[in-house]
Amino acid sequence: MTYARKEVIGDATLYLGDCLDVMPTLGNVDAVVTDPPFGVGNFVQTTGRIMGRGASRGKAVEWNESAPPERFFEIVRQISRHRIIWGANFFNCFEPNGGAIVWDKAQQMPNFSKADIASCTHFKKTEIVRIPWTNFTATHRAETDHPCERPVDLYVWCIRYLPFCGTILDPYFGSCSVGVACARLGRKFIGIELHEPYFDIACRRIEDAYKQGDLFVAPPAKATQEAMDL
């Protein structure tokens, strides 16, 4: 067995395990949308809040000390038609015939990044999306204690930016914002996470997403073969 647990919730399939072991067993997917550990090790986790390096208390988030190995990117390229991978400036994984996405966070904290950069396999241009985000504001507060949680709205935007993709894989799903976005948009989701506490959080978020639904998002149109071949 290549994983410790598997949960199927609606159209989402979640694996607790190492993505390097699980991904080769999945077959092909339409797209990978993911935010792997950057390998910068610059987060410190404390009770109820996250602080930058130099904080005087708290415990370092060890899993952010190492970036994914090159084998990760090789497998992802083999199994996916399209890709949006955040942290491209850290991994140098820009697609030769693709583009880039810059997420402007409208971040006001002086020691936090003001933007993130993703590589993408389509649209040979650089796109900018502005979604205000910080774990410290009341109006855009994170939903979990995951130190690198991303807003669901960002991934809703990413999935809509892709040519139509029926199945989305996130090999490092963390707090599972990609999975929640897929549930809202009516896409199938496959997620992999190595750390069980985050896996449990993800299961709850996906269950809640399917219970709540989203009355403001229309169900996806039936994919045409032409669209799937893009």
Protein backbone atom coordinates (compact mmCIF):
# COMPACT_ATOMS: atom_id res chain seq x y z
CA MET A 1 0.00 0.00 0.00
CA THR A 2 1.35 3.43 -0.96
CA TYR A 3 -0.79 5.44 1.46
CA ALA A 4 -1.95 5.24 5.06
CA ARG A 5 -5.55 6.38 4.52
CA LYS A 6 -7.93 7.11 1.68
CA GLU A 7 -11.13 9.10 2.02
CA VAL A 8 -13.72 9.66 -0.71
CA ILE A 9 -16.02 12.62 -0.08
CA GLY A 10 -18.31 13.56 -2.93
CA ASP A 11 -16.11 13.95 -6.02
CA ALA A 12 -12.98 14.38 -3.87
CA THR A 13 -10.51 11.57 -3.19
CA LEU A 14 -7.99 12.29 -0.44
CA TYR A 15 -4.84 10.27 0.24
CA LEU A 16 -2.76 10.39 3.41
CA GLY A 17 0.75 9.59 2.23
CA ASP A 18 3.83 10.73 0.35
CA CYS A 19 2.93 12.21 -3.02
CA LEU A 20 6.06 10.68 -4.58
CA ASP A 21 4.64 7.25 -3.77
CA VAL A 22 0.97 7.96 -4.56
CA MET A 23 1.20 9.99 -7.79
CA PRO A 24 2.62 7.20 -9.98
CA THR A 25 -0.39 5.02 -9.09
CA LEU A 26 -3.04 7.55 -10.13
CA GLY A 27 -2.82 7.51 -13.91
CA ASN A 28 -3.27 10.73 -15.89
CA VAL A 29 -5.11 13.80 -14.63
CA ASP A 30 -6.29 16.88 -16.49
CA ALA A 31 -4.38 19.35 -14.34
CA VAL A 32 -2.16 19.78 -11.31
CA VAL A 33 -2.80 22.90 -9.23
CA THR A 34 -0.53 23.00 -6.20
CA ASP A 35 1.49 25.06 -3.75
CA PRO A 36 4.42 22.86 -2.61
CA PRO A 37 6.69 23.75 0.33
CA PHE A 38 9.04 26.49 -0.87
CA GLY A 39 11.94 25.16 1.18
CA VAL A 40 12.68 28.55 2.73
CA GLY A 41 11.92 27.57 6.32
CA ASN A 42 10.81 31.08 7.21
CA PHE A 43 7.70 30.35 9.23
CA VAL A 44 7.37 29.85 12.94
CA GLN A 45 4.17 28.38 14.28
CA THR A 46 2.82 29.59 17.60
CA THR A 47 -0.46 29.12 19.40
CA GLY A 48 -3.09 30.93 17.39
CA ARG A 49 -0.74 32.84 15.08
CA ILE A 50 2.14 32.62 12.64
CA MET A 51 5.20 34.84 12.85
CA GLY A 52 8.20 35.34 10.60
CA ARG A 53 11.78 34.24 11.24
CA GLY A 54 13.24 36.03 14.21
CA ALA A 55 10.21 35.46 16.42
CA SER A 56 11.28 34.80 19.98
CA ARG A 57 8.90 31.93 20.65
CA GLY A 58 7.21 29.09 18.83
CA LYS A 59 8.20 26.00 16.92
CA ALA A 60 9.71 25.97 13.43
CA VAL A 61 7.61 24.41 10.70
CA GLU A 62 10.03 21.66 9.72
CA TRP A 63 8.29 20.54 6.53
CA ASN A 64 9.00 23.93 4.95
CA GLU A 65 12.77 23.43 5.22
CA SER A 66 13.06 21.39 2.00
CA ALA A 67 11.63 21.97 -1.47
CA PRO A 68 10.28 19.03 -3.50
CA PRO A 69 12.95 16.98 -5.30
CA GLU A 70 13.27 17.12 -9.08
CA ARG A 71 11.53 13.73 -9.26
CA PHE A 72 8.35 15.43 -8.07
CA PHE A 73 8.32 17.77 -11.06
CA GLU A 74 9.15 14.91 -13.43
CA ILE A 75 6.18 12.85 -12.23
CA VAL A 76 3.84 15.85 -12.35
CA ARG A 77 4.83 16.56 -15.98
CA GLN A 78 4.27 12.92 -16.90
CA ILE A 79 0.76 12.57 -15.47
CA SER A 80 -0.83 15.99 -16.16
CA ARG A 81 -1.99 17.86 -19.23
CA HIS A 82 -1.94 21.30 -17.55
CA ARG A 83 -0.17 22.68 -14.49
CA ILE A 84 -0.24 25.70 -12.19
CA ILE A 85 2.58 25.43 -9.64
CA TRP A 86 3.04 28.16 -7.05
CA GLY A 87 6.53 29.01 -5.85
CA ALA A 88 7.96 28.84 -9.37
CA ASN A 89 10.55 31.48 -8.52
CA PHE A 90 11.92 29.18 -5.78
CA PHE A 91 11.84 25.99 -7.85
CA ASN A 92 12.79 27.46 -11.25
CA CYS A 93 10.04 25.32 -12.77
CA PHE A 94 8.71 27.75 -15.35
CA GLU A 95 7.28 25.97 -18.38
CA PRO A 96 9.29 26.49 -21.62
CA ASN A 97 6.12 27.21 -23.62
CA GLY A 98 3.92 28.51 -20.83
CA GLY A 99 3.31 31.62 -18.81
CA ALA A 100 3.19 32.87 -15.25
CA ILE A 101 0.68 34.08 -12.69
CA VAL A 102 1.49 36.73 -10.08
CA TRP A 103 -0.77 36.81 -7.04
CA ASP A 104 -0.82 40.31 -5.51
CA LYS A 105 -1.80 39.74 -1.87
CA ALA A 106 -2.20 43.42 -0.92
CA GLN A 107 -0.12 42.30 2.04
CA GLN A 108 0.66 44.99 4.62
CA MET A 109 2.88 43.00 7.00
CA PRO A 110 6.45 44.31 6.46
CA ASN A 111 8.21 40.93 6.81
CA PHE A 112 5.78 38.93 4.63
CA SER A 113 5.91 38.45 0.85
CA LYS A 114 3.74 40.89 -1.07
CA ALA A 115 3.17 38.44 -3.92
CA ASP A 116 3.60 34.83 -5.02
CA ILE A 117 4.47 33.57 -8.50
CA ALA A 118 3.16 30.45 -10.25
CA SER A 119 4.23 28.79 -13.47
CA CYS A 120 1.54 27.61 -15.85
CA THR A 121 1.51 25.50 -18.98
CA HIS A 122 -0.79 27.62 -21.11
CA PHE A 123 -1.35 31.22 -22.22
CA LYS A 124 2.13 32.56 -23.01
CA LYS A 125 1.74 35.66 -20.91
CA THR A 126 2.03 36.87 -17.32
CA GLU A 127 -1.29 37.34 -15.57
CA ILE A 128 -1.83 39.26 -12.33
CA VAL A 129 -4.62 38.45 -9.88
CA ARG A 130 -5.21 40.65 -6.84
CA ILE A 131 -6.82 38.92 -3.86
CA PRO A 132 -6.10 40.57 -0.49
CA TRP A 133 -4.84 38.00 1.99
CA THR A 134 -3.22 37.83 5.38
CA ASN A 135 -3.70 35.61 8.42
CA PHE A 136 -3.95 38.69 10.62
CA THR A 137 -6.92 40.67 9.31
CA ALA A 138 -10.51 40.23 10.36
CA THR A 139 -11.87 40.60 6.81
CA HIS A 140 -9.62 38.02 5.16
CA ARG A 141 -8.88 35.62 7.97
CA ALA A 142 -7.55 32.13 7.29
CA GLU A 143 -9.95 29.27 8.05
CA THR A 144 -7.37 26.88 9.54
CA ASP A 145 -4.14 26.90 11.54
CA HIS A 146 -2.11 25.85 8.51
CA PRO A 147 0.73 28.42 8.24
CA CYS A 148 0.60 28.50 4.43
CA GLU A 149 -3.14 28.43 3.83
CA ARG A 150 -4.18 30.08 0.58
CA PRO A 151 -7.61 31.65 -0.09
CA VAL A 152 -10.15 29.46 -1.84
CA ASP A 153 -10.93 32.40 -4.15
CA LEU A 154 -7.38 32.22 -5.53
CA TYR A 155 -7.85 28.61 -6.59
CA VAL A 156 -11.31 29.24 -7.98
CA TRP A 157 -9.61 31.84 -10.18
CA CYS A 158 -6.82 29.40 -11.14
CA ILE A 159 -9.20 26.60 -12.11
CA ARG A 160 -11.28 28.97 -14.22
CA TYR A 161 -8.07 30.25 -15.85
CA LEU A 162 -7.23 26.75 -17.06
CA PRO A 163 -8.71 25.28 -20.22
CA PHE A 164 -11.56 23.07 -19.07
CA CYS A 165 -10.23 20.38 -16.75
CA GLY A 166 -12.55 17.84 -15.18
CA THR A 167 -10.07 16.37 -12.68
CA ILE A 168 -7.64 18.45 -10.62
CA LEU A 169 -4.76 17.01 -8.56
CA ASP A 170 -3.05 18.76 -5.65
CA PRO A 171 -0.10 16.62 -4.44
CA TYR A 172 0.54 18.93 -1.44
CA PHE A 173 -2.98 19.85 -0.43
CA GLY A 174 -2.21 21.18 3.08
CA SER A 175 -5.39 22.88 4.27
CA CYS A 176 -7.11 21.74 1.02
CA SER A 177 -8.16 25.10 -0.43
CA VAL A 178 -7.79 23.62 -3.94
CA GLY A 179 -10.20 20.83 -2.98
CA VAL A 180 -12.76 23.30 -1.64
CA ALA A 181 -12.47 25.31 -4.87
CA CYS A 182 -13.08 22.13 -6.90
CA ALA A 183 -16.16 21.32 -4.83
CA ARG A 184 -17.54 24.79 -5.48
CA LEU A 185 -16.90 24.53 -9.21
CA GLY A 186 -18.13 20.97 -9.64
CA ARG A 187 -14.74 19.50 -10.58
CA LYS A 188 -13.31 16.18 -9.46
CA PHE A 189 -10.46 16.53 -6.98
CA ILE A 190 -7.58 14.27 -6.00
CA GLY A 191 -5.47 15.40 -3.06
CA ILE A 192 -2.41 14.03 -1.29
CA GLU A 193 -1.10 15.11 2.12
CA LEU A 194 1.66 13.63 4.25
CA HIS A 195 0.72 15.14 7.62
CA GLU A 196 -2.31 13.59 9.32
CA PRO A 197 -3.49 16.66 11.31
CA TYR A 198 -3.84 18.62 8.05
CA PHE A 199 -5.42 15.60 6.37
CA ASP A 200 -8.13 15.56 9.04
CA ILE A 201 -8.69 19.31 8.62
CA ALA A 202 -9.01 18.80 4.86
CA CYS A 203 -11.62 16.08 5.28
CA ARG A 204 -13.74 18.41 7.41
CA ARG A 205 -13.37 21.30 4.96
CA ILE A 206 -14.37 19.15 2.00
CA GLU A 207 -17.38 17.75 3.87
CA ASP A 208 -18.47 21.28 4.76
CA ALA A 209 -17.98 22.46 1.17
CA TYR A 210 -20.29 19.75 -0.16
CA LYS A 211 -22.88 20.40 2.55
CA GLN A 212 -22.95 24.14 1.91
CA GLY A 213 -22.66 24.09 -1.86
CA ASP A 214 -22.32 27.41 -3.66
CA LEU A 215 -25.47 28.95 -5.10
CA PHE A 216 -23.43 31.61 -6.87
CA VAL A 217 -21.34 29.20 -8.96
CA ALA A 218 -23.00 27.58 -11.95
CA PRO A 219 -22.30 23.86 -12.55
CA PRO A 220 -19.55 23.29 -15.11
CA ALA A 221 -20.53 23.00 -18.74
CA LYS A 222 -20.08 19.58 -20.31
CA ALA A 223 -16.55 19.34 -21.64
CA THR A 224 -16.13 19.07 -25.37
CA GLN A 225 -13.36 16.97 -26.84
CA GLU A 226 -11.93 20.14 -28.41
CA ALA A 227 -11.73 21.84 -24.99
CA MET A 228 -10.17 18.78 -23.35
CA ASP A 229 -7.52 18.63 -26.08
CA LEU A 230 -6.30 22.20 -25.44
